[in-house]
Amino acid sequence: MGEKFHQPVDAAKVPRFAGHATFMRLPAVASAEGLDIALAGIPWDGGTTNRAGARHGPREVRNQSSLMRSTHHVFKTEPFKIANIADVGDLSVNPIDLLDGLKLIEGGVADIVNAGALPLCVGGDHLTTLPVLRAVARKAPVGLIHFDAHSDTNDTYFGDNPYTHGTPFRRAIEENLLDPRRVVQIGIRGSIYSPDEHDWAKAQGVRIIYMEEFSARGPEAIMAEVRDIVGDAPTYVTFDIDSIDPSMAPGTGTPEIGGFTTREAQDLVRRLDGLNLVGADVVEVAPPFDLAGMTAIAGATILFELMCVMARQVDRCRLR
């Protein structure tokens, strides 16, 4: 079966610094038709409230993803042999019109979903996840596994502005894109605007796992609870790179010390295996603030981990 699928460029034949920069060195294709997983860039940070730069994330994650090889060393999974995966390019965006930008992103992801592929996106700031969810959850609300330093369930910023990278999951719950009883946020930490900042989310049923609880209980216990919360129903995964400690991922818009190590982040993503995933993303990689590409390398590696989990899901579904 894998012989019919797209394959990455062989780094033993074409060096990693040569050739076209695509996600995982896969072929660039015009549409998601025939794909199981569509890798897509969302070069847009129109929701950023402070340090802009995540619009450049997809390009640099593509560059650093040339370091990924073809087999997962733990699972021994060969994702490109069990799922048809390719880079569908960057979604259309509008850098000067926020609402049009959201509409364009939603339309681009809807094309992927309508083609029957799972979207695996690279942002962009975290507001990009809202239009992705609008496309993924058009028929029914989904669950959410959210790795982040921030809850992103605030209401408005700078007056009555409802769309920033600090508000996407409040909007998603209000729009019935998410079932809040199946939303779990992991790694939340750092100073907040007020003592009641997270009260609205908790009142909806969102499970917030602060970094202190994660540290006390460990990844095995935490992810066992996460799996219980989302169950077997359709679930989306969003990974904000600022969930990783800035000592290992400094290139992001809102860094918070005390985060996951990169090793912990890999472990957490691997424990998603077997869930019913309808898509995923990696967001908030901001190359202008990066050092030696280390944040983009972390983003590319988490992208590969997510891709392997999703490819295994595709393979299981095909064998049924």
C-alpha atoms as a PDB file:
ATOM      1  CA  MET A   1       0.000   0.000   0.000  1.00  0.00           C
ATOM      2  CA  GLY A   2       2.794   2.413   0.950  1.00  0.00           C
ATOM      3  CA  GLU A   3       4.274   2.174  -2.540  1.00  0.00           C
ATOM      4  CA  LYS A   4       1.327   4.246  -3.782  1.00  0.00           C
ATOM      5  CA  PHE A   5       1.825   6.968  -1.192  1.00  0.00           C
ATOM      6  CA  HIS A   6       3.884  10.138  -1.367  1.00  0.00           C
ATOM      7  CA  GLN A   7       7.403   9.712  -0.018  1.00  0.00           C
ATOM      8  CA  PRO A   8       9.849  12.282   1.359  1.00  0.00           C
ATOM      9  CA  VAL A   9      13.122  13.090  -0.341  1.00  0.00           C
ATOM     10  CA  ASP A  10      15.811  10.658   0.787  1.00  0.00           C
ATOM     11  CA  ALA A  11      18.399  12.587   2.821  1.00  0.00           C
ATOM     12  CA  ALA A  12      21.001   9.979   1.892  1.00  0.00           C
ATOM     13  CA  LYS A  13      20.611  11.029  -1.745  1.00  0.00           C
ATOM     14  CA  VAL A  14      19.736  14.738  -1.527  1.00  0.00           C
ATOM     15  CA  PRO A  15      21.301  16.616   1.416  1.00  0.00           C
ATOM     16  CA  ARG A  16      18.960  18.247   3.893  1.00  0.00           C
ATOM     17  CA  PHE A  17      20.068  21.757   2.950  1.00  0.00           C
ATOM     18  CA  ALA A  18      19.163  21.216  -0.718  1.00  0.00           C
ATOM     19  CA  GLY A  19      15.934  20.865  -2.621  1.00  0.00           C
ATOM     20  CA  HIS A  20      12.523  22.389  -1.967  1.00  0.00           C
ATOM     21  CA  ALA A  21      11.611  23.274   1.618  1.00  0.00           C
ATOM     22  CA  THR A  22       8.376  21.407   2.309  1.00  0.00           C
ATOM     23  CA  PHE A  23       7.058  19.823   5.497  1.00  0.00           C
ATOM     24  CA  MET A  24       9.063  16.621   6.075  1.00  0.00           C
ATOM     25  CA  ARG A  25      10.536  17.019   2.546  1.00  0.00           C
ATOM     26  CA  LEU A  26       7.316  15.612   1.136  1.00  0.00           C
ATOM     27  CA  PRO A  27       5.973  16.511  -2.299  1.00  0.00           C
ATOM     28  CA  ALA A  28       4.081  19.777  -2.589  1.00  0.00           C
ATOM     29  CA  VAL A  29       0.612  19.136  -3.992  1.00  0.00           C
ATOM     30  CA  ALA A  30      -2.143  21.446  -5.165  1.00  0.00           C
ATOM     31  CA  SER A  31      -4.986  19.938  -3.139  1.00  0.00           C
ATOM     32  CA  ALA A  32      -5.756  17.373  -0.447  1.00  0.00           C
ATOM     33  CA  GLU A  33      -7.533  15.038  -2.885  1.00  0.00           C
ATOM     34  CA  GLY A  34      -6.343  11.488  -2.312  1.00  0.00           C
ATOM     35  CA  LEU A  35      -4.484  12.326   0.891  1.00  0.00           C
ATOM     36  CA  ASP A  36      -5.012  10.832   4.322  1.00  0.00           C
ATOM     37  CA  ILE A  37      -3.194  13.675   6.095  1.00  0.00           C
ATOM     38  CA  ALA A  38      -2.702  17.146   4.642  1.00  0.00           C
ATOM     39  CA  LEU A  39       0.130  19.231   6.055  1.00  0.00           C
ATOM     40  CA  ALA A  40      -0.748  22.916   5.701  1.00  0.00           C
ATOM     41  CA  GLY A  41       0.841  26.179   6.731  1.00  0.00           C
ATOM     42  CA  ILE A  42      -1.140  29.092   8.147  1.00  0.00           C
ATOM     43  CA  PRO A  43       1.231  32.095   7.923  1.00  0.00           C
ATOM     44  CA  TRP A  44      -0.956  34.517   9.846  1.00  0.00           C
ATOM     45  CA  ASP A  45      -0.602  36.266  13.206  1.00  0.00           C
ATOM     46  CA  GLY A  46      -3.411  38.795  12.973  1.00  0.00           C
ATOM     47  CA  GLY A  47      -4.564  37.905  16.474  1.00  0.00           C
ATOM     48  CA  THR A  48      -1.253  38.655  18.190  1.00  0.00           C
ATOM     49  CA  THR A  49      -1.478  41.258  20.958  1.00  0.00           C
ATOM     50  CA  ASN A  50       2.221  41.809  21.656  1.00  0.00           C
ATOM     51  CA  ARG A  51       5.177  40.115  19.943  1.00  0.00           C
ATOM     52  CA  ALA A  52       4.214  39.422  16.340  1.00  0.00           C
ATOM     53  CA  GLY A  53       6.192  36.995  14.190  1.00  0.00           C
ATOM     54  CA  ALA A  54       4.311  33.692  14.150  1.00  0.00           C
ATOM     55  CA  ARG A  55       3.303  34.447  10.559  1.00  0.00           C
ATOM     56  CA  HIS A  56       6.818  33.296   9.697  1.00  0.00           C
ATOM     57  CA  GLY A  57       6.424  30.022  11.605  1.00  0.00           C
ATOM     58  CA  PRO A  58       5.325  27.697   8.777  1.00  0.00           C
ATOM     59  CA  ARG A  59       8.271  28.596   6.555  1.00  0.00           C
ATOM     60  CA  GLU A  60      10.875  27.972   9.261  1.00  0.00           C
ATOM     61  CA  VAL A  61       9.186  24.816  10.552  1.00  0.00           C
ATOM     62  CA  ARG A  62       9.311  23.515   6.979  1.00  0.00           C
ATOM     63  CA  ASN A  63      13.021  24.296   6.881  1.00  0.00           C
ATOM     64  CA  GLN A  64      13.793  22.557  10.181  1.00  0.00           C
ATOM     65  CA  SER A  65      11.537  19.598   9.368  1.00  0.00           C
ATOM     66  CA  SER A  66      14.218  18.476   6.916  1.00  0.00           C
ATOM     67  CA  LEU A  67      15.865  17.016  10.042  1.00  0.00           C
ATOM     68  CA  MET A  68      13.060  14.482  10.431  1.00  0.00           C
ATOM     69  CA  ARG A  69      13.707  10.992   9.108  1.00  0.00           C
ATOM     70  CA  SER A  70      11.165   8.455   7.903  1.00  0.00           C
ATOM     71  CA  THR A  71      10.719   6.176  10.942  1.00  0.00           C
ATOM     72  CA  HIS A  72       9.615   6.853  14.528  1.00  0.00           C
ATOM     73  CA  HIS A  73      12.272   5.339  16.778  1.00  0.00           C
ATOM     74  CA  VAL A  74       9.871   4.332  19.589  1.00  0.00           C
ATOM     75  CA  PHE A  75       6.783   3.105  17.732  1.00  0.00           C
ATOM     76  CA  LYS A  76       8.894   1.921  14.769  1.00  0.00           C
ATOM     77  CA  THR A  77       6.136   3.532  12.735  1.00  0.00           C
ATOM     78  CA  GLU A  78       6.904   4.403   9.111  1.00  0.00           C
ATOM     79  CA  PRO A  79       4.198   7.044   8.609  1.00  0.00           C
ATOM     80  CA  PHE A  80       4.783   7.520   4.895  1.00  0.00           C
ATOM     81  CA  LYS A  81       4.207   3.806   4.248  1.00  0.00           C
ATOM     82  CA  ILE A  82       0.899   3.569   6.121  1.00  0.00           C
ATOM     83  CA  ALA A  83      -0.712   6.906   5.188  1.00  0.00           C
ATOM     84  CA  ASN A  84      -0.720   9.149   2.162  1.00  0.00           C
ATOM     85  CA  ILE A  85       0.699  12.476   3.360  1.00  0.00           C
ATOM     86  CA  ALA A  86       1.805  15.584   1.488  1.00  0.00           C
ATOM     87  CA  ASP A  87       2.308  19.322   1.882  1.00  0.00           C
ATOM     88  CA  VAL A  88      -0.649  21.243   0.453  1.00  0.00           C
ATOM     89  CA  GLY A  89       1.140  24.551   0.879  1.00  0.00           C
ATOM     90  CA  ASP A  90       0.072  27.630   2.808  1.00  0.00           C
ATOM     91  CA  LEU A  91      -3.576  28.534   3.180  1.00  0.00           C
ATOM     92  CA  SER A  92      -4.642  31.884   1.792  1.00  0.00           C
ATOM     93  CA  VAL A  93      -4.559  34.628   4.417  1.00  0.00           C
ATOM     94  CA  ASN A  94      -5.176  38.357   4.675  1.00  0.00           C
ATOM     95  CA  PRO A  95      -2.562  40.106   6.830  1.00  0.00           C
ATOM     96  CA  ILE A  96      -4.489  43.398   7.027  1.00  0.00           C
ATOM     97  CA  ASP A  97      -8.089  42.239   7.542  1.00  0.00           C
ATOM     98  CA  LEU A  98      -8.644  40.026  10.574  1.00  0.00           C
ATOM     99  CA  LEU A  99     -12.164  38.861   9.777  1.00  0.00           C
ATOM    100  CA  ASP A 100     -11.325  38.116   6.162  1.00  0.00           C
ATOM    101  CA  GLY A 101      -8.218  36.274   7.333  1.00  0.00           C
ATOM    102  CA  LEU A 102     -10.342  34.025   9.553  1.00  0.00           C
ATOM    103  CA  LYS A 103     -12.755  33.389   6.685  1.00  0.00           C
ATOM    104  CA  LEU A 104      -9.954  32.472   4.289  1.00  0.00           C
ATOM    105  CA  ILE A 105      -8.367  30.061   6.762  1.00  0.00           C
ATOM    106  CA  GLU A 106     -11.706  28.378   7.416  1.00  0.00           C
ATOM    107  CA  GLY A 107     -12.265  27.949   3.684  1.00  0.00           C
ATOM    108  CA  GLY A 108      -8.822  26.457   3.159  1.00  0.00           C
ATOM    109  CA  VAL A 109      -9.272  23.903   5.922  1.00  0.00           C
ATOM    110  CA  ALA A 110     -12.804  23.129   4.732  1.00  0.00           C
ATOM    111  CA  ASP A 111     -11.305  22.157   1.368  1.00  0.00           C
ATOM    112  CA  ILE A 112      -9.003  19.701   3.167  1.00  0.00           C
ATOM    113  CA  VAL A 113     -11.838  18.230   5.224  1.00  0.00           C
ATOM    114  CA  ASN A 114     -14.146  17.967   2.207  1.00  0.00           C
ATOM    115  CA  ALA A 115     -11.414  16.077   0.356  1.00  0.00           C
ATOM    116  CA  GLY A 116     -11.480  13.464   3.117  1.00  0.00           C
ATOM    117  CA  ALA A 117      -8.076  14.276   4.610  1.00  0.00           C
ATOM    118  CA  LEU A 118      -7.122  15.056   8.192  1.00  0.00           C
ATOM    119  CA  PRO A 119      -5.702  18.588   8.524  1.00  0.00           C
ATOM    120  CA  LEU A 120      -2.349  18.894  10.284  1.00  0.00           C
ATOM    121  CA  CYS A 121      -1.582  22.612  10.363  1.00  0.00           C
ATOM    122  CA  VAL A 122       1.300  24.847  11.382  1.00  0.00           C
ATOM    123  CA  GLY A 123       0.521  28.409  12.468  1.00  0.00           C
ATOM    124  CA  GLY A 124       0.506  31.202  12.872  1.00  0.00           C
ATOM    125  CA  ASP A 125      -0.748  32.512  16.198  1.00  0.00           C
ATOM    126  CA  HIS A 126      -3.305  30.602  18.246  1.00  0.00           C
ATOM    127  CA  LEU A 127      -6.274  32.471  16.808  1.00  0.00           C
ATOM    128  CA  THR A 128      -5.688  30.400  13.654  1.00  0.00           C
ATOM    129  CA  THR A 129      -7.123  27.389  15.498  1.00  0.00           C
ATOM    130  CA  LEU A 130     -10.576  29.018  15.641  1.00  0.00           C
ATOM    131  CA  PRO A 131     -11.223  28.945  11.874  1.00  0.00           C
ATOM    132  CA  VAL A 132      -9.710  25.469  11.701  1.00  0.00           C
ATOM    133  CA  LEU A 133     -12.271  24.321  14.270  1.00  0.00           C
ATOM    134  CA  ARG A 134     -15.029  26.066  12.315  1.00  0.00           C
ATOM    135  CA  ALA A 135     -14.141  23.833   9.370  1.00  0.00           C
ATOM    136  CA  VAL A 136     -13.539  20.641  11.346  1.00  0.00           C
ATOM    137  CA  ALA A 137     -16.614  20.938  13.591  1.00  0.00           C
ATOM    138  CA  ARG A 138     -19.188  22.092  11.045  1.00  0.00           C
ATOM    139  CA  LYS A 139     -21.425  19.082  11.636  1.00  0.00           C
ATOM    140  CA  ALA A 140     -21.006  18.615  15.398  1.00  0.00           C
ATOM    141  CA  PRO A 141     -18.859  19.903  18.267  1.00  0.00           C
ATOM    142  CA  VAL A 142     -15.601  18.088  18.943  1.00  0.00           C
ATOM    143  CA  GLY A 143     -13.397  17.553  21.958  1.00  0.00           C
ATOM    144  CA  LEU A 144     -10.120  19.397  22.411  1.00  0.00           C
ATOM    145  CA  ILE A 145      -6.744  18.465  23.876  1.00  0.00           C
ATOM    146  CA  HIS A 146      -4.910  21.735  24.329  1.00  0.00           C
ATOM    147  CA  PHE A 147      -1.216  21.962  25.272  1.00  0.00           C
ATOM    148  CA  ASP A 148      -0.414  25.536  26.248  1.00  0.00           C
ATOM    149  CA  ALA A 149       0.875  27.941  28.885  1.00  0.00           C
ATOM    150  CA  HIS A 150      -2.335  29.957  28.511  1.00  0.00           C
ATOM    151  CA  SER A 151      -6.006  29.023  28.603  1.00  0.00           C
ATOM    152  CA  ASP A 152      -6.902  31.376  25.720  1.00  0.00           C
ATOM    153  CA  THR A 153     -10.476  31.654  26.987  1.00  0.00           C
ATOM    154  CA  ASN A 154     -10.495  35.386  27.677  1.00  0.00           C
ATOM    155  CA  ASP A 155     -13.368  37.442  26.307  1.00  0.00           C
ATOM    156  CA  THR A 156     -12.232  40.700  24.702  1.00  0.00           C
ATOM    157  CA  TYR A 157      -9.088  42.810  24.377  1.00  0.00           C
ATOM    158  CA  PHE A 158      -8.562  46.527  23.761  1.00  0.00           C
ATOM    159  CA  GLY A 159     -12.200  47.415  24.161  1.00  0.00           C
ATOM    160  CA  ASP A 160     -14.683  45.030  22.606  1.00  0.00           C
ATOM    161  CA  ASN A 161     -12.368  43.168  20.240  1.00  0.00           C
ATOM    162  CA  PRO A 162     -13.381  39.481  20.486  1.00  0.00           C
ATOM    163  CA  TYR A 163     -10.737  37.943  18.223  1.00  0.00           C
ATOM    164  CA  THR A 164      -7.172  37.645  19.519  1.00  0.00           C
ATOM    165  CA  HIS A 165      -4.855  34.757  20.240  1.00  0.00           C
ATOM    166  CA  GLY A 166      -6.070  34.972  23.838  1.00  0.00           C
ATOM    167  CA  THR A 167      -9.738  34.309  22.978  1.00  0.00           C
ATOM    168  CA  PRO A 168     -10.064  31.456  20.439  1.00  0.00           C
ATOM    169  CA  PHE A 169     -11.411  28.760  22.727  1.00  0.00           C
ATOM    170  CA  ARG A 170     -13.994  31.004  24.349  1.00  0.00           C
ATOM    171  CA  ARG A 171     -15.290  31.819  20.893  1.00  0.00           C
ATOM    172  CA  ALA A 172     -15.142  28.146  19.888  1.00  0.00           C
ATOM    173  CA  ILE A 173     -17.252  27.125  22.892  1.00  0.00           C
ATOM    174  CA  GLU A 174     -19.713  29.956  22.273  1.00  0.00           C
ATOM    175  CA  GLU A 175     -20.021  28.900  18.624  1.00  0.00           C
ATOM    176  CA  ASN A 176     -20.708  25.292  19.672  1.00  0.00           C
ATOM    177  CA  LEU A 177     -17.573  24.066  17.922  1.00  0.00           C
ATOM    178  CA  LEU A 178     -16.305  22.460  21.123  1.00  0.00           C
ATOM    179  CA  ASP A 179     -18.015  20.338  23.747  1.00  0.00           C
ATOM    180  CA  PRO A 180     -16.569  22.053  26.840  1.00  0.00           C
ATOM    181  CA  ARG A 181     -17.009  18.891  28.920  1.00  0.00           C
ATOM    182  CA  ARG A 182     -14.534  17.260  26.528  1.00  0.00           C
ATOM    183  CA  VAL A 183     -11.982  20.086  26.565  1.00  0.00           C
ATOM    184  CA  VAL A 184      -8.803  19.652  28.594  1.00  0.00           C
ATOM    185  CA  GLN A 185      -5.954  22.156  28.799  1.00  0.00           C
ATOM    186  CA  ILE A 186      -2.518  21.002  29.970  1.00  0.00           C
ATOM    187  CA  GLY A 187       0.478  23.033  31.129  1.00  0.00           C
ATOM    188  CA  ILE A 188      -1.320  26.266  32.019  1.00  0.00           C
ATOM    189  CA  ARG A 189       0.891  28.574  34.065  1.00  0.00           C
ATOM    190  CA  GLY A 190       2.215  32.099  34.494  1.00  0.00           C
ATOM    191  CA  SER A 191       0.793  35.360  35.735  1.00  0.00           C
ATOM    192  CA  ILE A 192      -2.793  36.175  34.829  1.00  0.00           C
ATOM    193  CA  TYR A 193      -4.900  39.327  34.469  1.00  0.00           C
ATOM    194  CA  SER A 194      -7.114  38.701  37.499  1.00  0.00           C
ATOM    195  CA  PRO A 195      -7.888  35.948  40.050  1.00  0.00           C
ATOM    196  CA  ASP A 196     -11.058  34.982  38.186  1.00  0.00           C
ATOM    197  CA  GLU A 197      -9.500  34.815  34.714  1.00  0.00           C
ATOM    198  CA  HIS A 198     -10.165  31.090  34.316  1.00  0.00           C
ATOM    199  CA  ASP A 199     -13.544  30.997  36.050  1.00  0.00           C
ATOM    200  CA  TRP A 200     -15.581  31.243  32.848  1.00  0.00           C
ATOM    201  CA  ALA A 201     -13.799  28.258  31.290  1.00  0.00           C
ATOM    202  CA  LYS A 202     -14.163  26.152  34.423  1.00  0.00           C
ATOM    203  CA  ALA A 203     -17.854  27.031  34.660  1.00  0.00           C
ATOM    204  CA  GLN A 204     -18.361  25.626  31.151  1.00  0.00           C
ATOM    205  CA  GLY A 205     -16.788  22.333  32.195  1.00  0.00           C
ATOM    206  CA  VAL A 206     -13.286  22.827  30.805  1.00  0.00           C
ATOM    207  CA  ARG A 207     -10.662  20.808  32.698  1.00  0.00           C
ATOM    208  CA  ILE A 208      -7.621  23.008  33.309  1.00  0.00           C
ATOM    209  CA  ILE A 209      -4.474  21.171  34.375  1.00  0.00           C
ATOM    210  CA  TYR A 210      -1.990  23.679  35.688  1.00  0.00           C
ATOM    211  CA  MET A 211       1.719  23.041  35.343  1.00  0.00           C
ATOM    212  CA  GLU A 212       2.026  22.490  39.076  1.00  0.00           C
ATOM    213  CA  GLU A 213      -0.457  19.614  38.915  1.00  0.00           C
ATOM    214  CA  PHE A 214       1.309  18.144  35.909  1.00  0.00           C
ATOM    215  CA  SER A 215       4.618  18.240  37.767  1.00  0.00           C
ATOM    216  CA  ALA A 216       3.103  16.583  40.837  1.00  0.00           C
ATOM    217  CA  ARG A 217       1.237  13.805  38.999  1.00  0.00           C
ATOM    218  CA  GLY A 218       3.382  13.131  35.938  1.00  0.00           C
ATOM    219  CA  PRO A 219       2.529  12.493  32.270  1.00  0.00           C
ATOM    220  CA  GLU A 220       1.175   8.957  32.679  1.00  0.00           C
ATOM    221  CA  ALA A 221      -1.519   9.907  35.202  1.00  0.00           C
ATOM    222  CA  ILE A 222      -2.334  13.178  33.445  1.00  0.00           C
ATOM    223  CA  MET A 223      -2.786  11.611  30.027  1.00  0.00           C
ATOM    224  CA  ALA A 224      -4.844   8.764  31.460  1.00  0.00           C
ATOM    225  CA  GLU A 225      -7.273  11.402  32.737  1.00  0.00           C
ATOM    226  CA  VAL A 226      -7.147  13.235  29.407  1.00  0.00           C
ATOM    227  CA  ARG A 227      -8.117  10.061  27.581  1.00  0.00           C
ATOM    228  CA  ASP A 228     -11.020   9.534  29.978  1.00  0.00           C
ATOM    229  CA  ILE A 229     -12.231  13.087  29.369  1.00  0.00           C
ATOM    230  CA  VAL A 230     -12.230  13.006  25.563  1.00  0.00           C
ATOM    231  CA  GLY A 231     -13.168   9.334  25.226  1.00  0.00           C
ATOM    232  CA  ASP A 232     -13.585   7.785  21.797  1.00  0.00           C
ATOM    233  CA  ALA A 233     -15.459  10.712  20.231  1.00  0.00           C
ATOM    234  CA  PRO A 234     -13.885  13.041  17.620  1.00  0.00           C
ATOM    235  CA  THR A 235     -11.164  15.219  19.144  1.00  0.00           C
ATOM    236  CA  TYR A 236      -8.868  17.971  17.908  1.00  0.00           C
ATOM    237  CA  VAL A 237      -5.334  18.508  19.252  1.00  0.00           C
ATOM    238  CA  THR A 238      -3.688  21.916  19.442  1.00  0.00           C
ATOM    239  CA  PHE A 239      -0.089  22.351  20.574  1.00  0.00           C
ATOM    240  CA  ASP A 240       1.087  25.855  21.423  1.00  0.00           C
ATOM    241  CA  ILE A 241       4.877  25.840  21.361  1.00  0.00           C
ATOM    242  CA  ASP A 242       4.902  28.106  24.439  1.00  0.00           C
ATOM    243  CA  SER A 243       3.809  25.084  26.471  1.00  0.00           C
ATOM    244  CA  ILE A 244       7.499  24.166  26.232  1.00  0.00           C
ATOM    245  CA  ASP A 245       9.819  26.059  28.540  1.00  0.00           C
ATOM    246  CA  PRO A 246      11.423  29.075  26.822  1.00  0.00           C
ATOM    247  CA  SER A 247      14.868  27.726  27.694  1.00  0.00           C
ATOM    248  CA  MET A 248      14.119  25.137  24.990  1.00  0.00           C
ATOM    249  CA  ALA A 249      11.672  27.109  22.834  1.00  0.00           C
ATOM    250  CA  PRO A 250      12.397  30.843  23.124  1.00  0.00           C
ATOM    251  CA  GLY A 251      10.986  31.777  19.727  1.00  0.00           C
ATOM    252  CA  THR A 252       7.379  32.436  20.635  1.00  0.00           C
ATOM    253  CA  GLY A 253       5.125  35.399  21.217  1.00  0.00           C
ATOM    254  CA  THR A 254       4.287  34.938  24.900  1.00  0.00           C
ATOM    255  CA  PRO A 255       6.997  32.897  26.655  1.00  0.00           C
ATOM    256  CA  GLU A 256       6.341  31.608  30.178  1.00  0.00           C
ATOM    257  CA  ILE A 257       9.069  29.989  32.268  1.00  0.00           C
ATOM    258  CA  GLY A 258       8.399  26.702  34.047  1.00  0.00           C
ATOM    259  CA  GLY A 259       7.081  24.783  31.046  1.00  0.00           C
ATOM    260  CA  PHE A 260       7.449  21.299  29.642  1.00  0.00           C
ATOM    261  CA  THR A 261      10.829  20.013  28.596  1.00  0.00           C
ATOM    262  CA  THR A 262      10.963  18.945  24.977  1.00  0.00           C
ATOM    263  CA  ARG A 263      11.225  15.349  26.187  1.00  0.00           C
ATOM    264  CA  GLU A 264       8.036  15.714  28.238  1.00  0.00           C
ATOM    265  CA  ALA A 265       6.283  17.255  25.249  1.00  0.00           C
ATOM    266  CA  GLN A 266       7.175  14.284  23.069  1.00  0.00           C
ATOM    267  CA  ASP A 267       5.974  11.869  25.738  1.00  0.00           C
ATOM    268  CA  LEU A 268       2.640  13.674  26.056  1.00  0.00           C
ATOM    269  CA  VAL A 269       1.977  13.637  22.317  1.00  0.00           C
ATOM    270  CA  ARG A 270       2.852   9.948  22.027  1.00  0.00           C
ATOM    271  CA  ARG A 271       0.214   9.198  24.653  1.00  0.00           C
ATOM    272  CA  LEU A 272      -2.439  10.473  22.214  1.00  0.00           C
ATOM    273  CA  ASP A 273      -2.059   7.258  20.249  1.00  0.00           C
ATOM    274  CA  GLY A 274      -5.357   5.449  19.747  1.00  0.00           C
ATOM    275  CA  LEU A 275      -7.639   8.462  20.154  1.00  0.00           C
ATOM    276  CA  ASN A 276     -10.139   9.551  17.502  1.00  0.00           C
ATOM    277  CA  LEU A 277      -8.380  12.606  16.097  1.00  0.00           C
ATOM    278  CA  VAL A 278     -10.005  14.843  13.490  1.00  0.00           C
ATOM    279  CA  GLY A 279      -7.002  17.124  13.081  1.00  0.00           C
ATOM    280  CA  ALA A 280      -4.190  18.875  14.889  1.00  0.00           C
ATOM    281  CA  ASP A 281      -1.940  21.898  14.804  1.00  0.00           C
ATOM    282  CA  VAL A 282       1.306  23.367  16.106  1.00  0.00           C
ATOM    283  CA  VAL A 283       1.127  27.116  16.648  1.00  0.00           C
ATOM    284  CA  GLU A 284       2.980  30.193  17.922  1.00  0.00           C
ATOM    285  CA  VAL A 285       6.437  29.407  16.535  1.00  0.00           C
ATOM    286  CA  ALA A 286       7.838  32.908  15.999  1.00  0.00           C
ATOM    287  CA  PRO A 287      11.211  32.749  14.194  1.00  0.00           C
ATOM    288  CA  PRO A 288      12.121  36.424  14.783  1.00  0.00           C
ATOM    289  CA  PHE A 289      12.549  35.585  18.484  1.00  0.00           C
ATOM    290  CA  ASP A 290      14.239  32.212  17.977  1.00  0.00           C
ATOM    291  CA  LEU A 291      17.828  31.200  18.646  1.00  0.00           C
ATOM    292  CA  ALA A 292      19.641  28.892  16.209  1.00  0.00           C
ATOM    293  CA  GLY A 293      16.281  27.591  15.007  1.00  0.00           C
ATOM    294  CA  MET A 294      15.720  25.663  18.237  1.00  0.00           C
ATOM    295  CA  THR A 295      12.020  26.566  18.589  1.00  0.00           C
ATOM    296  CA  ALA A 296      11.338  25.681  14.970  1.00  0.00           C
ATOM    297  CA  ILE A 297      13.156  22.371  15.495  1.00  0.00           C
ATOM    298  CA  ALA A 298      10.915  21.699  18.498  1.00  0.00           C
ATOM    299  CA  GLY A 299       7.868  22.624  16.412  1.00  0.00           C
ATOM    300  CA  ALA A 300       8.926  20.365  13.544  1.00  0.00           C
ATOM    301  CA  THR A 301       9.564  17.482  15.928  1.00  0.00           C
ATOM    302  CA  ILE A 302       6.163  17.838  17.631  1.00  0.00           C
ATOM    303  CA  LEU A 303       4.632  18.017  14.149  1.00  0.00           C
ATOM    304  CA  PHE A 304       6.316  14.715  13.280  1.00  0.00           C
ATOM    305  CA  GLU A 305       5.096  13.160  16.535  1.00  0.00           C
ATOM    306  CA  LEU A 306       1.519  14.258  15.789  1.00  0.00           C
ATOM    307  CA  MET A 307       1.816  13.025  12.221  1.00  0.00           C
ATOM    308  CA  CYS A 308       2.919   9.574  13.392  1.00  0.00           C
ATOM    309  CA  VAL A 309      -0.012   9.321  15.821  1.00  0.00           C
ATOM    310  CA  MET A 310      -2.417  10.354  13.063  1.00  0.00           C
ATOM    311  CA  ALA A 311      -0.836   7.993  10.516  1.00  0.00           C
ATOM    312  CA  ARG A 312      -1.263   5.092  12.925  1.00  0.00           C
ATOM    313  CA  GLN A 313      -4.916   6.068  13.281  1.00  0.00           C
ATOM    314  CA  VAL A 314      -5.339   6.111   9.504  1.00  0.00           C
ATOM    315  CA  ASP A 315      -3.730   2.693   9.267  1.00  0.00           C
ATOM    316  CA  ARG A 316      -5.994   1.207  11.930  1.00  0.00           C
ATOM    317  CA  CYS A 317      -9.084   2.582  10.192  1.00  0.00           C
ATOM    318  CA  ARG A 318      -7.951   1.183   6.852  1.00  0.00           C
ATOM    319  CA  LEU A 319      -7.457  -2.289   8.325  1.00  0.00           C
ATOM    320  CA  ARG A 320     -10.960  -2.446   9.828  1.00  0.00           C
END
